[in-house]
């Protein structure tokens, strides 16, 4: 590695591309949907999430498990009358992760809306 390459690597680390701030757990389409719908309500019912996100029971269950294990949601099982229900609630950690994801997405959009020369491209 040359000195110039080493400097470029240090500069790149100081101002990473906005996509580096995206969280793989949050960014997945269904999980992002779960977090955003849960943000809109105190708690949200499994069937509502399934319909809104157009996913199967099994698919939604798997994504809820990932989010629950990450501490981003809590899952509560109970009954509404005689019918079993599952409710999802966004945790403080989930709200913070969603906020960070939205900041990263805004930074990416701003970068694309206000183009500037990027080091290493022919226009730079």
C-alpha atoms as a PDB file:
ATOM      1  CA  UNK A   1       0.000   0.000   0.000  1.00  0.00           C
ATOM      2  CA  UNK A   2       1.379   3.394  -0.934  1.00  0.00           C
ATOM      3  CA  UNK A   3       1.342   6.468   1.299  1.00  0.00           C
ATOM      4  CA  UNK A   4      -1.350   7.939  -0.944  1.00  0.00           C
ATOM      5  CA  UNK A   5      -3.507   4.797  -0.485  1.00  0.00           C
ATOM      6  CA  UNK A   6      -3.005   4.948   3.275  1.00  0.00           C
ATOM      7  CA  UNK A   7      -4.101   8.598   3.372  1.00  0.00           C
ATOM      8  CA  UNK A   8      -7.133   7.847   1.239  1.00  0.00           C
ATOM      9  CA  UNK A   9      -8.121   5.041   3.620  1.00  0.00           C
ATOM     10  CA  UNK A  10      -7.849   7.356   6.636  1.00  0.00           C
ATOM     11  CA  UNK A  11      -9.885  10.051   4.845  1.00  0.00           C
ATOM     12  CA  UNK A  12     -12.531   7.480   3.872  1.00  0.00           C
ATOM     13  CA  UNK A  13     -12.913   6.393   7.491  1.00  0.00           C
ATOM     14  CA  UNK A  14     -13.397   9.978   8.641  1.00  0.00           C
ATOM     15  CA  UNK A  15     -16.325  10.551   6.262  1.00  0.00           C
ATOM     16  CA  UNK A  16     -17.856   7.201   5.427  1.00  0.00           C
ATOM     17  CA  UNK A  17     -20.608   6.880   2.874  1.00  0.00           C
ATOM     18  CA  UNK A  18     -24.061   7.247   4.506  1.00  0.00           C
ATOM     19  CA  UNK A  19     -24.862   3.599   3.781  1.00  0.00           C
ATOM     20  CA  UNK A  20     -22.353   2.598   6.466  1.00  0.00           C
ATOM     21  CA  UNK A  21     -24.784   3.931   9.067  1.00  0.00           C
ATOM     22  CA  UNK A  22     -27.593   1.629   7.905  1.00  0.00           C
ATOM     23  CA  UNK A  23     -28.335  -1.151  10.383  1.00  0.00           C
ATOM     24  CA  UNK A  24     -28.806  -4.532   8.665  1.00  0.00           C
ATOM     25  CA  UNK A  25     -31.301  -5.619  11.327  1.00  0.00           C
ATOM     26  CA  UNK A  26     -33.463  -2.521  10.880  1.00  0.00           C
ATOM     27  CA  UNK A  27     -32.980  -1.960   7.164  1.00  0.00           C
ATOM     28  CA  UNK A  28     -34.593  -5.198   5.997  1.00  0.00           C
ATOM     29  CA  UNK A  29     -37.959  -4.280   4.423  1.00  0.00           C
ATOM     30  CA  UNK A  30     -40.288  -6.230   6.716  1.00  0.00           C
ATOM     31  CA  UNK A  31     -38.420  -5.320   9.905  1.00  0.00           C
ATOM     32  CA  UNK A  32     -38.332  -1.645   8.924  1.00  0.00           C
ATOM     33  CA  UNK A  33     -42.070  -1.911   8.304  1.00  0.00           C
ATOM     34  CA  UNK A  34     -42.675  -3.490  11.710  1.00  0.00           C
ATOM     35  CA  UNK A  35     -40.700  -0.754  13.462  1.00  0.00           C
ATOM     36  CA  UNK A  36     -42.408   2.083  11.610  1.00  0.00           C
ATOM     37  CA  UNK A  37     -45.932   0.700  12.112  1.00  0.00           C
ATOM     38  CA  UNK A  38     -45.164   0.038  15.795  1.00  0.00           C
ATOM     39  CA  UNK A  39     -43.881   3.621  16.103  1.00  0.00           C
ATOM     40  CA  UNK A  40     -47.274   4.880  14.957  1.00  0.00           C
ATOM     41  CA  UNK A  41     -49.179   3.102  17.757  1.00  0.00           C
ATOM     42  CA  UNK A  42     -48.731   2.166  21.409  1.00  0.00           C
ATOM     43  CA  UNK A  43     -48.935  -1.460  20.364  1.00  0.00           C
ATOM     44  CA  UNK A  44     -49.877  -3.209  17.164  1.00  0.00           C
ATOM     45  CA  UNK A  45     -51.603  -6.551  16.602  1.00  0.00           C
ATOM     46  CA  UNK A  46     -49.946  -9.340  14.603  1.00  0.00           C
ATOM     47  CA  UNK A  47     -52.824  -9.632  12.098  1.00  0.00           C
ATOM     48  CA  UNK A  48     -52.677  -5.904  11.362  1.00  0.00           C
ATOM     49  CA  UNK A  49     -48.923  -6.086  10.745  1.00  0.00           C
ATOM     50  CA  UNK A  50     -49.358  -9.131   8.525  1.00  0.00           C
ATOM     51  CA  UNK A  51     -51.945  -7.329   6.382  1.00  0.00           C
ATOM     52  CA  UNK A  52     -50.072  -4.017   6.230  1.00  0.00           C
ATOM     53  CA  UNK A  53     -46.754  -5.638   5.285  1.00  0.00           C
ATOM     54  CA  UNK A  54     -48.270  -8.308   2.988  1.00  0.00           C
ATOM     55  CA  UNK A  55     -46.364 -11.216   4.528  1.00  0.00           C
ATOM     56  CA  UNK A  56     -47.196 -14.726   5.705  1.00  0.00           C
ATOM     57  CA  UNK A  57     -47.601 -15.706   9.345  1.00  0.00           C
ATOM     58  CA  UNK A  58     -44.303 -17.596   9.317  1.00  0.00           C
ATOM     59  CA  UNK A  59     -42.397 -14.812   7.622  1.00  0.00           C
ATOM     60  CA  UNK A  60     -43.671 -12.175  10.026  1.00  0.00           C
ATOM     61  CA  UNK A  61     -43.015 -14.432  13.028  1.00  0.00           C
ATOM     62  CA  UNK A  62     -39.388 -14.875  11.986  1.00  0.00           C
ATOM     63  CA  UNK A  63     -38.847 -11.119  11.588  1.00  0.00           C
ATOM     64  CA  UNK A  64     -40.516 -10.421  14.931  1.00  0.00           C
ATOM     65  CA  UNK A  65     -38.194 -12.931  16.576  1.00  0.00           C
ATOM     66  CA  UNK A  66     -35.123 -11.157  15.121  1.00  0.00           C
ATOM     67  CA  UNK A  67     -36.375  -7.780  16.349  1.00  0.00           C
ATOM     68  CA  UNK A  68     -37.308  -9.154  19.767  1.00  0.00           C
ATOM     69  CA  UNK A  69     -33.900 -10.829  20.190  1.00  0.00           C
ATOM     70  CA  UNK A  70     -32.282  -7.515  19.246  1.00  0.00           C
ATOM     71  CA  UNK A  71     -34.270  -5.751  21.976  1.00  0.00           C
ATOM     72  CA  UNK A  72     -36.105  -3.517  19.504  1.00  0.00           C
ATOM     73  CA  UNK A  73     -39.619  -4.788  20.236  1.00  0.00           C
ATOM     74  CA  UNK A  74     -41.501  -6.678  22.891  1.00  0.00           C
ATOM     75  CA  UNK A  75     -44.028  -9.351  21.945  1.00  0.00           C
ATOM     76  CA  UNK A  76     -47.031  -9.961  24.183  1.00  0.00           C
ATOM     77  CA  UNK A  77     -49.401 -12.883  23.747  1.00  0.00           C
ATOM     78  CA  UNK A  78     -52.890 -12.869  25.185  1.00  0.00           C
ATOM     79  CA  UNK A  79     -56.548 -13.040  24.307  1.00  0.00           C
ATOM     80  CA  UNK A  80     -59.129 -10.653  22.972  1.00  0.00           C
ATOM     81  CA  UNK A  81     -62.301 -12.370  24.115  1.00  0.00           C
ATOM     82  CA  UNK A  82     -61.710 -16.018  23.265  1.00  0.00           C
ATOM     83  CA  UNK A  83     -59.365 -15.353  20.384  1.00  0.00           C
ATOM     84  CA  UNK A  84     -55.618 -15.572  20.867  1.00  0.00           C
ATOM     85  CA  UNK A  85     -53.740 -12.395  19.944  1.00  0.00           C
ATOM     86  CA  UNK A  86     -50.144 -11.283  19.641  1.00  0.00           C
ATOM     87  CA  UNK A  87     -49.232  -7.638  20.163  1.00  0.00           C
ATOM     88  CA  UNK A  88     -45.980  -5.896  19.312  1.00  0.00           C
ATOM     89  CA  UNK A  89     -44.614  -2.852  21.127  1.00  0.00           C
ATOM     90  CA  UNK A  90     -41.614  -0.759  20.128  1.00  0.00           C
ATOM     91  CA  UNK A  91     -38.946  -0.502  22.859  1.00  0.00           C
ATOM     92  CA  UNK A  92     -36.795   2.536  23.584  1.00  0.00           C
ATOM     93  CA  UNK A  93     -33.888   0.725  21.878  1.00  0.00           C
ATOM     94  CA  UNK A  94     -36.100   0.061  18.859  1.00  0.00           C
ATOM     95  CA  UNK A  95     -37.128   3.710  18.658  1.00  0.00           C
ATOM     96  CA  UNK A  96     -33.468   4.771  18.843  1.00  0.00           C
ATOM     97  CA  UNK A  97     -32.488   2.257  16.138  1.00  0.00           C
ATOM     98  CA  UNK A  98     -35.327   3.472  13.916  1.00  0.00           C
ATOM     99  CA  UNK A  99     -34.285   7.105  14.460  1.00  0.00           C
ATOM    100  CA  UNK A 100     -30.677   6.255  13.531  1.00  0.00           C
ATOM    101  CA  UNK A 101     -31.874   4.434  10.401  1.00  0.00           C
ATOM    102  CA  UNK A 102     -33.986   7.407   9.348  1.00  0.00           C
ATOM    103  CA  UNK A 103     -31.028   9.767   9.900  1.00  0.00           C
ATOM    104  CA  UNK A 104     -28.855   7.553   7.689  1.00  0.00           C
ATOM    105  CA  UNK A 105     -31.526   7.447   4.988  1.00  0.00           C
ATOM    106  CA  UNK A 106     -31.945  11.240   5.137  1.00  0.00           C
ATOM    107  CA  UNK A 107     -28.171  11.680   4.789  1.00  0.00           C
ATOM    108  CA  UNK A 108     -28.195   9.411   1.760  1.00  0.00           C
ATOM    109  CA  UNK A 109     -31.078  11.292   0.152  1.00  0.00           C
ATOM    110  CA  UNK A 110     -29.420  14.664   0.843  1.00  0.00           C
ATOM    111  CA  UNK A 111     -26.196  13.393  -0.693  1.00  0.00           C
ATOM    112  CA  UNK A 112     -28.051  12.377  -3.846  1.00  0.00           C
ATOM    113  CA  UNK A 113     -30.145  15.545  -4.069  1.00  0.00           C
ATOM    114  CA  UNK A 114     -27.106  17.828  -3.763  1.00  0.00           C
ATOM    115  CA  UNK A 115     -24.484  16.121  -5.920  1.00  0.00           C
ATOM    116  CA  UNK A 116     -20.874  17.102  -5.414  1.00  0.00           C
ATOM    117  CA  UNK A 117     -17.629  15.721  -6.664  1.00  0.00           C
ATOM    118  CA  UNK A 118     -16.696  12.495  -4.991  1.00  0.00           C
ATOM    119  CA  UNK A 119     -13.017  11.664  -4.551  1.00  0.00           C
ATOM    120  CA  UNK A 120     -11.985   8.892  -6.892  1.00  0.00           C
ATOM    121  CA  UNK A 121     -14.517   9.718  -9.616  1.00  0.00           C
ATOM    122  CA  UNK A 122     -13.637  11.196 -13.019  1.00  0.00           C
ATOM    123  CA  UNK A 123     -15.269  14.565 -12.165  1.00  0.00           C
ATOM    124  CA  UNK A 124     -13.211  15.049  -8.992  1.00  0.00           C
END
